[in-house]
Amino acid sequence: MSRRAGGRKIVHMTSLSRRTLTGMGAAAALTLATAGLAAPAAAGPFAGDPTAPDPAAPDPTASDDPAALRAAISDLSHPEATASQLLVERRGTRWYGTAGTADPASGRPVRADDRFRAGSVTKAFVATVVLQLWAEGRVDLDAPITHCLPGLALPSRFDRVKVAHLLQHTSGLPDHRGLPDLGTPEAVLRHRSDHWTAPALVATVTQDRLKFRPGRAQEYRGINYVFLALLIEELAGRPYGEVIASRILRPLGLTGTRIPGDDPRLHGPHVHGFLRMTDGGLRDVTVYDQSAAWGEGELVSTADDLFRFQEALFSGVLLPGRALRKMVTLPAVPMLNGAPARYGMGLQAATVNGTTFWGKTGETYGYRTRVFATRDLSTRFVLSYTPTALNAEEDMINPVVAVLTT
């Protein structure tokens, strides 16, 4: 069922495509492991003390290679993209480079304070707030989500789903039902103004049995974080974006970062995103209603801001040590496909050439973001670029990480 309001279609109980809920702003299938980087075989060297040095960190005498980093982001044909930017710090040496243009119409180059859509990096912010509330004794991670959100009238089978299961993607929530096909760029554009409510998103996964017993396996699902954002609102009594702003954005001075809510536009200096149509033409998809990614993939940010968030998170400014340990501890369960778990609470892990990175990928139509660091912050980076293919198989992160780990 839907209605029109202000020229937009307000969606209540119909559905989105699977890609919209688990790809758009979520990068569900796109992790460092699936991008050609190996996931860690176990919890890795950072499952214990969050302040412990990374034994696999790069040699402090190793020299950075700005030319190689520039080359890694300058090939805008693999994958095809209109712009890229990379902010790197390694052993105290910082490097920033760009390629392409923020706005092809004007030819303006990309800057580190340009806003872009950061997709599922949203989850790291949501998880940080939930763990802050846990550290304050305001939420029990072992509480059933049905008890935490009584107003949703969830099926009784959801009693087994706990807050921790949602944070770790071990909830076993059912697949979404009745989702329209957004498998072509033309279909994506047709749905760019669809507006969703959080209860409508939840309703798409409440019609079937749980896929597996919660806590027995891991499957990355954006809907987990829709529930968590609702939990934040239940506890705080105000929109989750306002809570993130008061607890993270304003204290850190992240002035270029926001949860857009009902606003489909990017304001201030920003990078445009594009999709290549089946006829070969490019269409600007910068203006896009992000409510389909409510709670899990709608963040707008900048390279500078994400760098500062990353530093504050890993240095213990935002979370006490016991909470940070939960973010960087992998559950002792397999992924649904049998591979080792690779998600902690709000972060994901990958080990490349002996170096373990923790962070988050983000993806929405026309934008990709990768924010990763070693636990001791000796090597860290924020990569943002604007792929034009609907489902680009190549990932610019691969050549970047290859430079940083060799």
Protein backbone atom coordinates (compact mmCIF):
# COMPACT_ATOMS: atom_id res chain seq x y z
CA MET A 1 0.00 0.00 0.00
CA SER A 2 1.31 3.46 -0.76
CA ARG A 3 0.22 7.04 -1.00
CA ARG A 4 1.55 10.26 -2.54
CA ALA A 5 2.83 13.10 -0.38
CA GLY A 6 4.65 16.11 -1.68
CA GLY A 7 5.31 14.39 -4.98
CA ARG A 8 6.92 11.35 -3.37
CA LYS A 9 5.56 7.87 -3.02
CA ILE A 10 5.33 6.94 0.67
CA VAL A 11 5.71 3.18 0.98
CA HIS A 12 4.22 1.43 3.99
CA MET A 13 3.72 -2.29 3.51
CA THR A 14 5.00 -3.10 0.05
CA SER A 15 8.65 -4.03 -0.50
CA LEU A 16 11.96 -3.08 -2.00
CA SER A 17 14.31 -5.18 -4.02
CA ARG A 18 16.84 -7.32 -2.18
CA ARG A 19 19.60 -5.14 -3.58
CA THR A 20 17.98 -2.04 -2.15
CA LEU A 21 17.89 -3.47 1.35
CA THR A 22 21.13 -5.42 1.38
CA GLY A 23 23.14 -3.69 -1.30
CA MET A 24 22.07 -0.09 -1.52
CA GLY A 25 23.89 1.61 1.29
CA ALA A 26 24.74 -1.74 2.81
CA ALA A 27 27.27 -3.49 0.58
CA ALA A 28 25.98 -6.75 1.95
CA ALA A 29 27.79 -9.05 -0.41
CA LEU A 30 30.73 -6.73 -0.86
CA THR A 31 33.29 -7.21 1.90
CA LEU A 32 37.03 -7.17 1.80
CA ALA A 33 36.95 -10.93 1.51
CA THR A 34 34.64 -11.01 -1.49
CA ALA A 35 36.58 -8.17 -3.07
CA GLY A 36 39.55 -10.50 -3.34
CA LEU A 37 41.03 -9.94 0.11
CA ALA A 38 41.20 -12.83 2.53
CA ALA A 39 39.04 -12.81 5.64
CA PRO A 40 40.75 -13.82 8.88
CA ALA A 41 40.55 -17.48 9.76
CA ALA A 42 39.71 -16.75 13.39
CA ALA A 43 39.16 -13.82 15.72
CA GLY A 44 42.61 -12.61 14.81
CA PRO A 45 45.20 -10.76 16.89
CA PHE A 46 42.76 -8.10 18.06
CA ALA A 47 40.13 -10.24 19.77
CA GLY A 48 41.63 -9.40 23.16
CA ASP A 49 42.97 -6.11 24.49
CA PRO A 50 41.86 -3.28 22.18
CA THR A 51 44.96 -1.28 23.06
CA ALA A 52 47.38 -4.07 22.22
CA PRO A 53 49.76 -3.35 19.33
CA ASP A 54 49.09 -5.12 16.08
CA PRO A 55 51.79 -7.79 15.73
CA ALA A 56 51.09 -7.91 12.00
CA ALA A 57 51.34 -4.17 11.45
CA PRO A 58 53.62 -2.95 8.64
CA ASP A 59 57.30 -2.44 9.36
CA PRO A 60 57.72 1.10 10.76
CA THR A 61 60.82 1.53 8.59
CA ALA A 62 58.85 0.79 5.43
CA SER A 63 58.54 3.77 3.12
CA ASP A 64 55.26 4.90 1.63
CA ASP A 65 55.03 5.18 -2.11
CA PRO A 66 52.87 8.18 -3.06
CA ALA A 67 53.28 7.40 -6.75
CA ALA A 68 51.91 3.89 -6.23
CA LEU A 69 49.01 5.19 -4.14
CA ARG A 70 48.20 7.78 -6.78
CA ALA A 71 48.31 5.11 -9.47
CA ALA A 72 46.00 2.91 -7.42
CA ILE A 73 43.20 5.50 -7.45
CA SER A 74 43.88 7.08 -10.85
CA ASP A 75 42.67 4.21 -13.01
CA LEU A 76 39.06 5.30 -13.37
CA SER A 77 38.32 2.53 -15.83
CA HIS A 78 38.80 -0.43 -13.42
CA PRO A 79 36.16 -0.08 -12.16
CA GLU A 80 34.72 2.70 -14.27
CA ALA A 81 34.26 5.73 -12.03
CA THR A 82 33.97 9.49 -12.36
CA ALA A 83 36.02 10.35 -9.26
CA SER A 84 38.09 8.91 -6.44
CA GLN A 85 39.82 10.11 -3.31
CA LEU A 86 42.10 8.42 -0.81
CA LEU A 87 43.25 9.65 2.60
CA VAL A 88 46.02 7.52 4.13
CA GLU A 89 48.07 7.70 7.29
CA ARG A 90 50.91 5.28 7.87
CA ARG A 91 53.21 5.55 10.87
CA GLY A 92 52.37 9.23 11.26
CA THR A 93 52.82 10.16 7.60
CA ARG A 94 49.62 11.36 5.92
CA TRP A 95 48.85 11.35 2.20
CA TYR A 96 45.79 12.54 0.30
CA GLY A 97 45.13 12.16 -3.41
CA THR A 98 42.25 12.45 -5.85
CA ALA A 99 41.36 11.61 -9.43
CA GLY A 100 38.50 12.68 -11.66
CA THR A 101 36.07 15.44 -10.80
CA ALA A 102 33.49 16.05 -8.08
CA ASP A 103 31.15 17.51 -10.70
CA PRO A 104 31.91 16.64 -14.34
CA ALA A 105 29.70 19.52 -15.48
CA SER A 106 31.99 22.10 -13.86
CA GLY A 107 35.20 20.09 -13.82
CA ARG A 108 35.79 20.91 -10.15
CA PRO A 109 38.32 18.55 -8.53
CA VAL A 110 37.47 16.49 -5.47
CA ARG A 111 38.37 17.84 -2.03
CA ALA A 112 38.69 16.08 1.32
CA ASP A 113 35.77 18.08 2.72
CA ASP A 114 33.40 17.18 -0.13
CA ARG A 115 30.31 15.31 1.04
CA PHE A 116 29.38 11.91 -0.39
CA ARG A 117 27.04 9.06 0.46
CA ALA A 118 28.87 6.61 2.74
CA GLY A 119 26.35 3.75 2.68
CA SER A 120 26.85 1.03 5.27
CA VAL A 121 29.51 2.97 7.14
CA THR A 122 26.32 4.10 8.89
CA LYS A 123 26.39 0.79 10.77
CA ALA A 124 29.64 1.67 12.54
CA PHE A 125 27.98 4.82 13.91
CA VAL A 126 24.82 2.98 14.96
CA ALA A 127 26.83 0.21 16.66
CA THR A 128 28.95 2.80 18.47
CA VAL A 129 25.86 4.42 19.98
CA VAL A 130 24.32 1.06 20.98
CA LEU A 131 27.56 0.05 22.69
CA GLN A 132 27.76 3.43 24.43
CA LEU A 133 24.26 2.78 25.79
CA TRP A 134 25.33 -0.73 26.83
CA ALA A 135 28.39 0.65 28.64
CA GLU A 136 26.06 3.08 30.44
CA GLY A 137 23.84 0.19 31.56
CA ARG A 138 20.88 1.34 29.47
CA VAL A 139 20.62 -1.67 27.19
CA ASP A 140 21.17 -5.39 27.73
CA LEU A 141 22.84 -7.04 24.74
CA ASP A 142 21.23 -10.35 25.74
CA ALA A 143 17.72 -8.88 25.76
CA PRO A 144 15.27 -10.19 23.13
CA ILE A 145 14.51 -7.53 20.56
CA THR A 146 10.80 -8.22 21.07
CA HIS A 147 11.14 -6.98 24.67
CA CYS A 148 13.12 -3.94 23.61
CA LEU A 149 10.66 -2.88 20.89
CA PRO A 150 7.21 -3.80 22.22
CA GLY A 151 5.51 -1.35 19.88
CA LEU A 152 6.44 -3.34 16.78
CA ALA A 153 4.28 -6.36 17.68
CA LEU A 154 6.86 -8.76 16.26
CA PRO A 155 6.12 -12.48 15.79
CA SER A 156 6.79 -14.62 18.86
CA ARG A 157 9.53 -16.49 16.98
CA PHE A 158 11.56 -13.27 17.11
CA ASP A 159 11.83 -13.73 20.91
CA ARG A 160 15.06 -15.67 20.23
CA VAL A 161 16.69 -12.71 18.47
CA LYS A 162 18.81 -10.72 20.93
CA VAL A 163 20.40 -7.31 20.58
CA ALA A 164 23.85 -8.90 20.28
CA HIS A 165 22.64 -11.08 17.41
CA LEU A 166 21.61 -7.98 15.48
CA LEU A 167 24.95 -6.27 16.10
CA GLN A 168 26.87 -9.35 14.93
CA HIS A 169 24.63 -10.29 11.99
CA THR A 170 23.85 -13.64 13.64
CA SER A 171 20.10 -13.03 13.98
CA GLY A 172 18.86 -15.46 11.34
CA LEU A 173 16.16 -13.02 10.25
CA PRO A 174 14.03 -14.21 7.32
CA ASP A 175 14.61 -13.05 3.77
CA HIS A 176 12.68 -10.03 2.53
CA ARG A 177 9.45 -10.84 0.69
CA GLY A 178 7.83 -9.31 -2.38
CA LEU A 179 10.66 -7.03 -3.40
CA PRO A 180 10.48 -5.32 -6.81
CA ASP A 181 13.27 -5.94 -9.25
CA LEU A 182 15.89 -3.17 -9.27
CA GLY A 183 18.25 -5.16 -11.44
CA THR A 184 18.67 -2.46 -14.09
CA PRO A 185 19.84 1.15 -13.74
CA GLU A 186 16.59 2.29 -15.35
CA ALA A 187 14.63 0.54 -12.59
CA VAL A 188 16.80 2.19 -9.96
CA LEU A 189 15.98 5.62 -11.35
CA ARG A 190 12.27 4.83 -11.43
CA HIS A 191 12.37 4.16 -7.68
CA ARG A 192 14.67 7.00 -6.65
CA SER A 193 11.81 8.93 -4.98
CA ASP A 194 10.21 6.01 -3.12
CA HIS A 195 9.97 6.84 0.56
CA TRP A 196 10.02 4.17 3.25
CA THR A 197 9.13 4.02 6.91
CA ALA A 198 11.03 1.91 9.41
CA PRO A 199 7.97 -0.25 10.25
CA ALA A 200 7.53 -0.98 6.53
CA LEU A 201 11.15 -2.13 6.30
CA VAL A 202 10.69 -4.37 9.34
CA ALA A 203 7.47 -5.81 7.89
CA THR A 204 9.38 -7.22 4.89
CA VAL A 205 11.16 -9.76 7.14
CA THR A 206 8.38 -10.81 9.51
CA GLN A 207 6.40 -13.15 7.27
CA ASP A 208 8.55 -16.28 7.38
CA ARG A 209 10.38 -18.45 9.89
CA LEU A 210 13.89 -17.52 11.00
CA LYS A 211 16.50 -18.79 8.55
CA PHE A 212 18.60 -20.34 11.33
CA ARG A 213 18.71 -20.39 15.10
CA PRO A 214 20.05 -17.00 16.25
CA GLY A 215 23.70 -17.15 17.24
CA ARG A 216 24.44 -20.28 15.19
CA ALA A 217 25.68 -18.62 11.98
CA GLN A 218 26.49 -15.24 10.50
CA GLU A 219 24.79 -13.59 7.53
CA TYR A 220 25.29 -9.91 6.77
CA ARG A 221 21.87 -8.22 6.69
CA GLY A 222 21.16 -4.51 6.64
CA ILE A 223 17.79 -5.06 8.33
CA ASN A 224 19.60 -5.97 11.56
CA TYR A 225 20.61 -2.34 11.90
CA VAL A 226 17.12 -1.05 11.16
CA PHE A 227 16.10 -2.80 14.39
CA LEU A 228 19.10 -1.31 16.21
CA ALA A 229 18.28 2.22 15.04
CA LEU A 230 14.73 1.69 16.29
CA LEU A 231 16.20 0.53 19.60
CA ILE A 232 18.18 3.77 19.87
CA GLU A 233 15.02 5.76 19.25
CA GLU A 234 13.11 3.71 21.83
CA LEU A 235 15.75 4.39 24.49
CA ALA A 236 16.41 8.03 23.61
CA GLY A 237 12.91 9.14 22.68
CA ARG A 238 14.11 10.99 19.58
CA PRO A 239 15.31 10.18 16.03
CA TYR A 240 18.40 8.01 15.91
CA GLY A 241 20.14 10.56 13.66
CA GLU A 242 19.79 13.19 16.38
CA VAL A 243 21.30 10.76 18.90
CA ILE A 244 24.27 10.10 16.60
CA ALA A 245 24.70 13.84 16.17
CA SER A 246 24.67 14.52 19.92
CA ARG A 247 26.92 11.60 20.88
CA ILE A 248 29.37 11.50 17.97
CA LEU A 249 29.11 14.25 15.36
CA ARG A 250 29.04 17.36 17.53
CA PRO A 251 31.59 16.18 20.12
CA LEU A 252 34.05 15.30 17.35
CA GLY A 253 33.27 18.36 15.23
CA LEU A 254 32.18 16.27 12.24
CA THR A 255 30.43 19.14 10.51
CA GLY A 256 30.27 17.44 7.10
CA THR A 257 28.47 14.34 8.39
CA ARG A 258 24.73 13.90 8.80
CA ILE A 259 21.85 11.46 8.72
CA PRO A 260 19.73 12.98 5.92
CA GLY A 261 16.32 11.74 7.03
CA ASP A 262 13.72 12.79 4.45
CA ASP A 263 16.12 15.01 2.49
CA PRO A 264 17.20 13.33 -0.79
CA ARG A 265 19.79 15.99 -1.67
CA LEU A 266 23.44 16.53 -0.79
CA HIS A 267 24.08 20.05 0.47
CA GLY A 268 27.24 22.10 0.33
CA PRO A 269 30.29 20.97 -1.66
CA HIS A 270 29.75 17.35 -2.67
CA VAL A 271 30.73 14.62 -5.08
CA HIS A 272 28.19 13.64 -7.71
CA GLY A 273 27.30 9.99 -8.25
CA PHE A 274 26.33 8.48 -11.60
CA LEU A 275 24.93 5.29 -13.09
CA ARG A 276 25.56 4.10 -16.62
CA MET A 277 22.31 3.19 -18.35
CA THR A 278 21.88 0.15 -20.55
CA ASP A 279 22.05 2.42 -23.60
CA GLY A 280 25.49 3.62 -22.49
CA GLY A 281 24.50 7.05 -21.23
CA LEU A 282 25.35 8.38 -17.75
CA ARG A 283 22.64 9.60 -15.37
CA ASP A 284 23.28 11.61 -12.24
CA VAL A 285 21.92 9.77 -9.17
CA THR A 286 23.17 12.21 -6.54
CA VAL A 287 19.61 13.12 -5.57
CA TYR A 288 18.12 9.94 -4.16
CA ASP A 289 15.73 9.25 -1.30
CA GLN A 290 17.77 7.19 1.17
CA SER A 291 14.92 6.03 3.38
CA ALA A 292 15.21 2.53 1.94
CA ALA A 293 18.52 2.37 3.83
CA TRP A 294 17.07 3.90 7.01
CA GLY A 295 19.14 3.05 10.05
CA GLU A 296 21.78 1.11 8.17
CA GLY A 297 23.04 2.88 5.07
CA GLU A 298 22.02 6.53 4.74
CA LEU A 299 25.02 8.37 6.19
CA VAL A 300 26.43 11.40 4.35
CA SER A 301 30.02 12.21 5.25
CA THR A 302 33.45 13.39 4.07
CA ALA A 303 36.89 11.81 3.93
CA ASP A 304 38.12 14.18 6.63
CA ASP A 305 35.21 13.38 8.95
CA LEU A 306 35.47 9.61 8.54
CA PHE A 307 39.20 9.82 9.25
CA ARG A 308 38.47 11.66 12.50
CA PHE A 309 35.70 9.23 13.47
CA GLN A 310 38.05 6.32 12.80
CA GLU A 311 40.75 7.79 15.03
CA ALA A 312 38.33 8.60 17.85
CA LEU A 313 36.85 5.10 17.73
CA PHE A 314 40.11 3.14 17.78
CA SER A 315 41.82 5.43 20.29
CA GLY A 316 39.08 4.93 22.87
CA VAL A 317 37.53 8.40 22.75
CA LEU A 318 34.07 7.11 21.84
CA LEU A 319 33.97 3.78 23.68
CA PRO A 320 35.51 2.24 26.79
CA GLY A 321 37.85 -0.69 26.18
CA ARG A 322 35.31 -3.39 27.03
CA ALA A 323 32.88 -1.99 24.44
CA LEU A 324 35.55 -1.56 21.77
CA ARG A 325 36.57 -5.19 22.31
CA LYS A 326 33.07 -6.24 21.31
CA MET A 327 33.35 -4.34 18.03
CA VAL A 328 36.57 -6.14 17.10
CA THR A 329 35.72 -9.65 18.30
CA LEU A 330 34.43 -12.12 15.74
CA PRO A 331 31.79 -14.62 16.89
CA ALA A 332 32.88 -18.24 16.92
CA VAL A 333 30.37 -19.24 14.26
CA PRO A 334 30.64 -19.69 10.48
CA MET A 335 29.15 -17.50 7.82
CA LEU A 336 26.01 -18.99 6.34
CA ASN A 337 28.11 -20.24 3.39
CA GLY A 338 30.55 -22.00 5.73
CA ALA A 339 33.33 -19.41 5.59
CA PRO A 340 34.77 -18.02 8.86
CA ALA A 341 32.87 -15.17 10.48
CA ARG A 342 34.15 -11.74 9.49
CA TYR A 343 31.87 -9.28 11.29
CA GLY A 344 32.18 -8.01 14.83
CA MET A 345 29.69 -5.54 16.25
CA GLY A 346 29.49 -2.79 13.63
CA LEU A 347 32.86 -3.52 12.03
CA GLN A 348 34.28 -6.12 9.68
CA ALA A 349 37.75 -7.62 9.47
CA ALA A 350 40.16 -8.72 6.77
CA THR A 351 43.74 -9.90 6.81
CA VAL A 352 45.89 -9.02 3.82
CA ASN A 353 49.54 -10.06 3.53
CA GLY A 354 49.66 -10.60 7.28
CA THR A 355 48.05 -7.27 8.20
CA THR A 356 44.62 -7.30 9.83
CA PHE A 357 42.35 -4.36 9.10
CA TRP A 358 39.13 -3.46 10.90
CA GLY A 359 36.56 -1.11 9.47
CA LYS A 360 33.53 -0.87 7.24
CA THR A 361 32.57 -0.83 3.59
CA GLY A 362 29.69 1.27 2.32
CA GLU A 363 27.85 1.29 -0.97
CA THR A 364 24.87 3.04 -2.46
CA TYR A 365 23.97 3.84 -6.04
CA GLY A 366 26.86 5.83 -7.54
CA TYR A 367 29.07 5.71 -4.42
CA ARG A 368 31.48 3.37 -2.64
CA THR A 369 33.30 4.01 0.62
CA ARG A 370 35.92 1.93 2.45
CA VAL A 371 37.12 2.93 5.94
CA PHE A 372 39.77 0.63 7.45
CA ALA A 373 42.63 0.67 9.93
CA THR A 374 44.95 -1.57 11.86
CA ARG A 375 43.96 -1.71 15.51
CA ASP A 376 46.90 0.45 16.60
CA LEU A 377 46.11 3.01 13.85
CA SER A 378 49.59 2.56 12.41
CA THR A 379 48.04 2.11 8.97
CA ARG A 380 44.65 3.51 8.12
CA PHE A 381 42.76 4.87 5.18
CA VAL A 382 39.49 6.27 3.88
CA LEU A 383 38.76 5.49 0.25
CA SER A 384 35.75 6.94 -1.55
CA TYR A 385 34.95 6.66 -5.24
CA THR A 386 32.00 6.85 -7.60
CA PRO A 387 31.55 3.68 -9.69
CA THR A 388 29.12 4.01 -12.57
CA ALA A 389 28.19 0.34 -13.02
CA LEU A 390 25.11 -0.85 -11.15
CA ASN A 391 27.02 -3.82 -9.74
CA ALA A 392 30.70 -3.13 -10.32
CA GLU A 393 32.65 -6.34 -9.71
CA GLU A 394 36.05 -4.69 -9.51
CA ASP A 395 36.96 -2.79 -6.37
CA MET A 396 39.48 0.04 -6.10
CA ILE A 397 40.35 -1.10 -2.58
CA ASN A 398 42.41 -4.00 -3.91
CA PRO A 399 45.27 -1.96 -5.46
CA VAL A 400 45.20 0.45 -2.51
CA VAL A 401 45.62 -2.28 0.11
CA ALA A 402 48.23 -3.99 -2.05
CA VAL A 403 50.38 -0.83 -1.83
CA LEU A 404 49.85 -0.49 1.93
CA THR A 405 50.74 -4.09 2.78
CA THR A 406 53.79 -4.70 0.60
